[in-house]
PDB file of N, CA and C in Angstrom:
ATOM      1  N   MET A   1       0.850  -1.166   0.000  1.00  0.00           N
ATOM      2  CA  MET A   1       0.000   0.000   0.000  1.00  0.00           C
ATOM      3  C   MET A   1       0.897   1.231   0.000  1.00  0.00           C
ATOM      4  N   ARG A   2       0.609   2.167  -0.863  1.00  0.00           N
ATOM      5  CA  ARG A   2       1.369   3.404  -0.937  1.00  0.00           C
ATOM      6  C   ARG A   2       0.609   4.497  -0.210  1.00  0.00           C
ATOM      7  N   HIS A   3       1.341   5.297   0.510  1.00  0.00           N
ATOM      8  CA  HIS A   3       0.735   6.411   1.219  1.00  0.00           C
ATOM      9  C   HIS A   3       0.929   7.673   0.400  1.00  0.00           C
ATOM     10  N   ALA A   4      -0.126   8.417   0.262  1.00  0.00           N
ATOM     11  CA  ALA A   4      -0.031   9.689  -0.456  1.00  0.00           C
ATOM     12  C   ALA A   4       0.758  10.682   0.389  1.00  0.00           C
ATOM     13  N   ARG A   5       1.551  11.460  -0.263  1.00  0.00           N
ATOM     14  CA  ARG A   5       2.288  12.504   0.460  1.00  0.00           C
ATOM     15  C   ARG A   5       1.340  13.643   0.784  1.00  0.00           C
ATOM     16  N   THR A   6       1.505  14.149   1.959  1.00  0.00           N
ATOM     17  CA  THR A   6       0.672  15.275   2.359  1.00  0.00           C
ATOM     18  C   THR A   6       1.489  16.547   2.278  1.00  0.00           C
ATOM     19  N   ALA A   7       0.806  17.637   2.128  1.00  0.00           N
ATOM     20  CA  ALA A   7       1.488  18.928   2.091  1.00  0.00           C
ATOM     21  C   ALA A   7       2.075  19.213   3.462  1.00  0.00           C
ATOM     22  N   PRO A   8       3.222  19.875   3.503  1.00  0.00           N
ATOM     23  CA  PRO A   8       3.784  20.209   4.812  1.00  0.00           C
ATOM     24  C   PRO A   8       2.855  21.121   5.592  1.00  0.00           C
ATOM     25  N   ARG A   9       2.906  20.994   6.892  1.00  0.00           N
ATOM     26  CA  ARG A   9       2.075  21.848   7.739  1.00  0.00           C
ATOM     27  C   ARG A   9       2.589  23.274   7.686  1.00  0.00           C
ATOM     28  N   PRO A  10       1.694  24.245   7.841  1.00  0.00           N
ATOM     29  CA  PRO A  10       2.178  25.624   7.915  1.00  0.00           C
ATOM     30  C   PRO A  10       3.107  25.789   9.104  1.00  0.00           C
ATOM     31  N   ALA A  11       4.046  26.713   9.009  1.00  0.00           N
ATOM     32  CA  ALA A  11       5.028  26.896  10.064  1.00  0.00           C
ATOM     33  C   ALA A  11       4.386  27.248  11.396  1.00  0.00           C
ATOM     34  N   THR A  12       3.215  27.883  11.374  1.00  0.00           N
ATOM     35  CA  THR A  12       2.564  28.216  12.636  1.00  0.00           C
ATOM     36  C   THR A  12       2.176  26.946  13.386  1.00  0.00           C
ATOM     37  N   ALA A  13       1.932  25.860  12.667  1.00  0.00           N
ATOM     38  CA  ALA A  13       1.529  24.620  13.315  1.00  0.00           C
ATOM     39  C   ALA A  13       2.715  23.920  13.961  1.00  0.00           C
ATOM     40  N   VAL A  14       3.935  24.215  13.517  1.00  0.00           N
ATOM     41  CA  VAL A  14       5.089  23.513  14.054  1.00  0.00           C
ATOM     42  C   VAL A  14       5.820  24.306  15.129  1.00  0.00           C
ATOM     43  N   LEU A  15       5.512  25.565  15.289  1.00  0.00           N
ATOM     44  CA  LEU A  15       6.136  26.355  16.350  1.00  0.00           C
ATOM     45  C   LEU A  15       5.384  26.129  17.656  1.00  0.00           C
ATOM     46  N   THR A  16       6.131  25.867  18.699  1.00  0.00           N
ATOM     47  CA  THR A  16       5.500  25.755  20.008  1.00  0.00           C
ATOM     48  C   THR A  16       5.089  27.160  20.450  1.00  0.00           C
ATOM     49  N   PRO A  17       4.183  27.263  21.413  1.00  0.00           N
ATOM     50  CA  PRO A  17       3.818  28.594  21.905  1.00  0.00           C
ATOM     51  C   PRO A  17       5.031  29.378  22.400  1.00  0.00           C
ATOM     52  N   GLN A  18       5.961  28.692  23.060  1.00  0.00           N
ATOM     53  CA  GLN A  18       7.146  29.387  23.553  1.00  0.00           C
ATOM     54  C   GLN A  18       8.034  29.848  22.390  1.00  0.00           C
ATOM     55  N   GLN A  19       8.182  29.013  21.367  1.00  0.00           N
ATOM     56  CA  GLN A  19       8.959  29.415  20.202  1.00  0.00           C
ATOM     57  C   GLN A  19       8.311  30.607  19.505  1.00  0.00           C
ATOM     58  N   ARG A  20       7.004  30.596  19.416  1.00  0.00           N
ATOM     59  CA  ARG A  20       6.293  31.706  18.776  1.00  0.00           C
ATOM     60  C   ARG A  20       6.527  33.003  19.568  1.00  0.00           C
ATOM     61  N   GLN A  21       6.480  32.919  20.878  1.00  0.00           N
ATOM     62  CA  GLN A  21       6.699  34.089  21.724  1.00  0.00           C
ATOM     63  C   GLN A  21       8.133  34.595  21.559  1.00  0.00           C
ATOM     64  N   ILE A  22       9.087  33.695  21.563  1.00  0.00           N
ATOM     65  CA  ILE A  22      10.484  34.077  21.381  1.00  0.00           C
ATOM     66  C   ILE A  22      10.691  34.677  19.997  1.00  0.00           C
ATOM     67  N   ALA A  23      10.097  34.069  18.986  1.00  0.00           N
ATOM     68  CA  ALA A  23      10.220  34.586  17.618  1.00  0.00           C
ATOM     69  C   ALA A  23       9.671  35.998  17.516  1.00  0.00           C
ATOM     70  N   THR A  24       8.537  36.247  18.133  1.00  0.00           N
ATOM     71  CA  THR A  24       7.924  37.576  18.092  1.00  0.00           C
ATOM     72  C   THR A  24       8.822  38.607  18.768  1.00  0.00           C
ATOM     73  N   LEU A  25       9.379  38.260  19.915  1.00  0.00           N
ATOM     74  CA  LEU A  25      10.266  39.189  20.615  1.00  0.00           C
ATOM     75  C   LEU A  25      11.563  39.425  19.842  1.00  0.00           C
ATOM     76  N   ALA A  26      12.125  38.374  19.265  1.00  0.00           N
ATOM     77  CA  ALA A  26      13.351  38.518  18.474  1.00  0.00           C
ATOM     78  C   ALA A  26      13.090  39.360  17.232  1.00  0.00           C
ATOM     79  N   ALA A  27      11.952  39.136  16.592  1.00  0.00           N
ATOM     80  CA  ALA A  27      11.607  39.907  15.400  1.00  0.00           C
ATOM     81  C   ALA A  27      11.383  41.381  15.737  1.00  0.00           C
ATOM     82  N   ALA A  28      10.997  41.657  16.981  1.00  0.00           N
ATOM     83  CA  ALA A  28      10.796  43.036  17.424  1.00  0.00           C
ATOM     84  C   ALA A  28      12.116  43.716  17.774  1.00  0.00           C
ATOM     85  N   GLY A  29      13.217  42.945  17.746  1.00  0.00           N
ATOM     86  CA  GLY A  29      14.522  43.540  17.963  1.00  0.00           C
ATOM     87  C   GLY A  29      15.152  43.298  19.312  1.00  0.00           C
ATOM     88  N   LEU A  30      14.500  42.522  20.181  1.00  0.00           N
ATOM     89  CA  LEU A  30      15.083  42.247  21.486  1.00  0.00           C
ATOM     90  C   LEU A  30      16.257  41.284  21.345  1.00  0.00           C
ATOM     91  N   THR A  31      17.267  41.485  22.167  1.00  0.00           N
ATOM     92  CA  THR A  31      18.417  40.581  22.183  1.00  0.00           C
ATOM     93  C   THR A  31      18.039  39.296  22.915  1.00  0.00           C
ATOM     94  N   ASN A  32      18.873  38.273  22.738  1.00  0.00           N
ATOM     95  CA  ASN A  32      18.639  37.016  23.459  1.00  0.00           C
ATOM     96  C   ASN A  32      18.615  37.250  24.964  1.00  0.00           C
ATOM     97  N   LYS A  33      19.497  38.112  25.450  1.00  0.00           N
ATOM     98  CA  LYS A  33      19.556  38.394  26.884  1.00  0.00           C
ATOM     99  C   LYS A  33      18.256  39.041  27.367  1.00  0.00           C
ATOM    100  N   LEU A  34      17.742  40.011  26.611  1.00  0.00           N
ATOM    101  CA  LEU A  34      16.490  40.666  27.008  1.00  0.00           C
ATOM    102  C   LEU A  34      15.298  39.720  26.934  1.00  0.00           C
ATOM    103  N   ILE A  35      15.277  38.879  25.901  1.00  0.00           N
ATOM    104  CA  ILE A  35      14.199  37.888  25.780  1.00  0.00           C
ATOM    105  C   ILE A  35      14.261  36.941  26.976  1.00  0.00           C
ATOM    106  N   ALA A  36      15.463  36.504  27.307  1.00  0.00           N
ATOM    107  CA  ALA A  36      15.639  35.580  28.436  1.00  0.00           C
ATOM    108  C   ALA A  36      15.152  36.205  29.733  1.00  0.00           C
ATOM    109  N   GLU A  37      15.512  37.457  29.959  1.00  0.00           N
ATOM    110  CA  GLU A  37      15.068  38.138  31.178  1.00  0.00           C
ATOM    111  C   GLU A  37      13.546  38.267  31.218  1.00  0.00           C
ATOM    112  N   ARG A  38      12.960  38.618  30.094  1.00  0.00           N
ATOM    113  CA  ARG A  38      11.508  38.816  30.036  1.00  0.00           C
ATOM    114  C   ARG A  38      10.746  37.515  30.273  1.00  0.00           C
ATOM    115  N   LEU A  39      11.294  36.396  29.768  1.00  0.00           N
ATOM    116  CA  LEU A  39      10.588  35.117  29.854  1.00  0.00           C
ATOM    117  C   LEU A  39      11.123  34.199  30.949  1.00  0.00           C
ATOM    118  N   ALA A  40      12.037  34.688  31.760  1.00  0.00           N
ATOM    119  CA  ALA A  40      12.646  33.895  32.846  1.00  0.00           C
ATOM    120  C   ALA A  40      13.288  32.621  32.311  1.00  0.00           C
ATOM    121  N   LEU A  41      14.090  32.788  31.259  1.00  0.00           N
ATOM    122  CA  LEU A  41      14.843  31.688  30.656  1.00  0.00           C
ATOM    123  C   LEU A  41      16.312  32.060  30.647  1.00  0.00           C
ATOM    124  N   SER A  42      17.147  31.114  30.296  1.00  0.00           N
ATOM    125  CA  SER A  42      18.558  31.447  30.122  1.00  0.00           C
ATOM    126  C   SER A  42      18.755  31.940  28.678  1.00  0.00           C
ATOM    127  N   PRO A  43      19.733  32.803  28.454  1.00  0.00           N
ATOM    128  CA  PRO A  43      20.016  33.238  27.085  1.00  0.00           C
ATOM    129  C   PRO A  43      20.335  32.054  26.164  1.00  0.00           C
ATOM    130  N   ARG A  44      20.951  31.018  26.711  1.00  0.00           N
ATOM    131  CA  ARG A  44      21.265  29.827  25.902  1.00  0.00           C
ATOM    132  C   ARG A  44      19.983  29.121  25.446  1.00  0.00           C
ATOM    133  N   THR A  45      18.984  29.057  26.317  1.00  0.00           N
ATOM    134  CA  THR A  45      17.707  28.454  25.934  1.00  0.00           C
ATOM    135  C   THR A  45      17.061  29.254  24.816  1.00  0.00           C
ATOM    136  N   VAL A  46      17.113  30.573  24.926  1.00  0.00           N
ATOM    137  CA  VAL A  46      16.569  31.432  23.875  1.00  0.00           C
ATOM    138  C   VAL A  46      17.310  31.167  22.562  1.00  0.00           C
ATOM    139  N   SER A  47      18.617  31.089  22.631  1.00  0.00           N
ATOM    140  CA  SER A  47      19.425  30.828  21.437  1.00  0.00           C
ATOM    141  C   SER A  47      19.051  29.495  20.792  1.00  0.00           C
ATOM    142  N   THR A  48      18.851  28.476  21.610  1.00  0.00           N
ATOM    143  CA  THR A  48      18.469  27.164  21.095  1.00  0.00           C
ATOM    144  C   THR A  48      17.118  27.222  20.404  1.00  0.00           C
ATOM    145  N   HIS A  49      16.151  27.883  21.030  1.00  0.00           N
ATOM    146  CA  HIS A  49      14.830  28.020  20.409  1.00  0.00           C
ATOM    147  C   HIS A  49      14.934  28.764  19.076  1.00  0.00           C
ATOM    148  N   LEU A  50      15.708  29.834  19.043  1.00  0.00           N
ATOM    149  CA  LEU A  50      15.857  30.591  17.796  1.00  0.00           C
ATOM    150  C   LEU A  50      16.495  29.732  16.710  1.00  0.00           C
ATOM    151  N   TYR A  51      17.511  28.985  17.058  1.00  0.00           N
ATOM    152  CA  TYR A  51      18.163  28.102  16.092  1.00  0.00           C
ATOM    153  C   TYR A  51      17.141  27.124  15.499  1.00  0.00           C
ATOM    154  N   GLN A  52      16.330  26.529  16.361  1.00  0.00           N
ATOM    155  CA  GLN A  52      15.343  25.555  15.900  1.00  0.00           C
ATOM    156  C   GLN A  52      14.256  26.204  15.055  1.00  0.00           C
ATOM    157  N   LEU A  53      13.772  27.349  15.481  1.00  0.00           N
ATOM    158  CA  LEU A  53      12.665  27.941  14.731  1.00  0.00           C
ATOM    159  C   LEU A  53      13.118  28.608  13.452  1.00  0.00           C
ATOM    160  N   PHE A  54      14.360  29.095  13.376  1.00  0.00           N
ATOM    161  CA  PHE A  54      14.869  29.600  12.097  1.00  0.00           C
ATOM    162  C   PHE A  54      14.767  28.504  11.049  1.00  0.00           C
ATOM    163  N   HIS A  55      15.167  27.297  11.424  1.00  0.00           N
ATOM    164  CA  HIS A  55      15.096  26.169  10.498  1.00  0.00           C
ATOM    165  C   HIS A  55      13.642  25.850  10.134  1.00  0.00           C
ATOM    166  N   LYS A  56      12.768  25.875  11.122  1.00  0.00           N
ATOM    167  CA  LYS A  56      11.367  25.527  10.882  1.00  0.00           C
ATOM    168  C   LYS A  56      10.674  26.476   9.917  1.00  0.00           C
ATOM    169  N   VAL A  57      11.000  27.759   9.994  1.00  0.00           N
ATOM    170  CA  VAL A  57      10.336  28.722   9.102  1.00  0.00           C
ATOM    171  C   VAL A  57      11.184  29.069   7.892  1.00  0.00           C
ATOM    172  N   GLY A  58      12.386  28.486   7.809  1.00  0.00           N
ATOM    173  CA  GLY A  58      13.214  28.635   6.622  1.00  0.00           C
ATOM    174  C   GLY A  58      13.906  29.982   6.483  1.00  0.00           C
ATOM    175  N   VAL A  59      14.407  30.524   7.580  1.00  0.00           N
ATOM    176  CA  VAL A  59      15.110  31.804   7.531  1.00  0.00           C
ATOM    177  C   VAL A  59      16.480  31.659   8.183  1.00  0.00           C
ATOM    178  N   THR A  60      17.320  32.680   7.971  1.00  0.00           N
ATOM    179  CA  THR A  60      18.666  32.643   8.544  1.00  0.00           C
ATOM    180  C   THR A  60      18.995  33.892   9.355  1.00  0.00           C
ATOM    181  N   SER A  61      18.028  34.804   9.496  1.00  0.00           N
ATOM    182  CA  SER A  61      18.293  36.037  10.238  1.00  0.00           C
ATOM    183  C   SER A  61      17.028  36.495  10.960  1.00  0.00           C
ATOM    184  N   ARG A  62      17.226  37.427  11.880  1.00  0.00           N
ATOM    185  CA  ARG A  62      16.070  37.983  12.595  1.00  0.00           C
ATOM    186  C   ARG A  62      15.178  38.789  11.663  1.00  0.00           C
ATOM    187  N   ALA A  63      15.788  39.468  10.693  1.00  0.00           N
ATOM    188  CA  ALA A  63      14.978  40.202   9.711  1.00  0.00           C
ATOM    189  C   ALA A  63      14.135  39.222   8.899  1.00  0.00           C
ATOM    190  N   GLY A  64      14.731  38.113   8.524  1.00  0.00           N
ATOM    191  CA  GLY A  64      13.980  37.082   7.809  1.00  0.00           C
ATOM    192  C   GLY A  64      12.886  36.499   8.675  1.00  0.00           C
ATOM    193  N   LEU A  65      13.163  36.380   9.954  1.00  0.00           N
ATOM    194  CA  LEU A  65      12.169  35.874  10.896  1.00  0.00           C
ATOM    195  C   LEU A  65      10.978  36.815  10.969  1.00  0.00           C
ATOM    196  N   ARG A  66      11.267  38.109  11.048  1.00  0.00           N
ATOM    197  CA  ARG A  66      10.185  39.108  11.079  1.00  0.00           C
ATOM    198  C   ARG A  66       9.293  38.968   9.848  1.00  0.00           C
ATOM    199  N   ASP A  67       9.914  38.868   8.678  1.00  0.00           N
ATOM    200  CA  ASP A  67       9.149  38.735   7.436  1.00  0.00           C
ATOM    201  C   ASP A  67       8.352  37.432   7.398  1.00  0.00           C
ATOM    202  N   ALA A  68       8.954  36.344   7.877  1.00  0.00           N
ATOM    203  CA  ALA A  68       8.261  35.050   7.896  1.00  0.00           C
ATOM    204  C   ALA A  68       7.060  35.091   8.832  1.00  0.00           C
ATOM    205  N   LEU A  69       7.208  35.732   9.983  1.00  0.00           N
ATOM    206  CA  LEU A  69       6.073  35.833  10.913  1.00  0.00           C
ATOM    207  C   LEU A  69       4.954  36.665  10.315  1.00  0.00           C
ATOM    208  N   GLU A  70       5.304  37.718   9.604  1.00  0.00           N
ATOM    209  CA  GLU A  70       4.273  38.541   8.947  1.00  0.00           C
ATOM    210  C   GLU A  70       3.514  37.714   7.908  1.00  0.00           C
ATOM    211  N   ARG A  71       4.244  36.920   7.131  1.00  0.00           N
ATOM    212  CA  ARG A  71       3.580  36.068   6.120  1.00  0.00           C
ATOM    213  C   ARG A  71       2.682  35.050   6.800  1.00  0.00           C
ATOM    214  N   LEU A  72       3.161  34.452   7.886  1.00  0.00           N
ATOM    215  CA  LEU A  72       2.361  33.453   8.590  1.00  0.00           C
ATOM    216  C   LEU A  72       1.096  34.062   9.180  1.00  0.00           C
ATOM    217  N   ASP A  73       1.203  35.279   9.675  1.00  0.00           N
ATOM    218  CA  ASP A  73       0.039  35.935  10.257  1.00  0.00           C
ATOM    219  C   ASP A  73      -1.012  36.280   9.207  1.00  0.00           C
ATOM    220  N   GLN A  74      -0.591  36.402   7.960  1.00  0.00           N
ATOM    221  CA  GLN A  74      -1.524  36.723   6.880  1.00  0.00           C
ATOM    222  C   GLN A  74      -2.234  35.512   6.335  1.00  0.00           C
ATOM    223  N   GLN A  75      -1.765  34.327   6.674  1.00  0.00           N
ATOM    224  CA  GLN A  75      -2.380  33.088   6.154  1.00  0.00           C
ATOM    225  C   GLN A  75      -3.693  32.814   6.815  1.00  0.00           C
TER     226      GLN A  75
END
């Protein structure tokens, strides 16, 4: 039996709520340190989340992240 390929899920479906919050703050220009302080996380945890979500939404910079979030919000 062959399984039909399904379309990939939209990036909003694969971001956790915490990743979405971190992405929004990073796209607004906050540093990892400021995001960490605001969310009671370590800067390293913020960095890890950003690394993972950059890959998930297909970007390589915070500016690209901002643009990707805007596109996702319009869907």
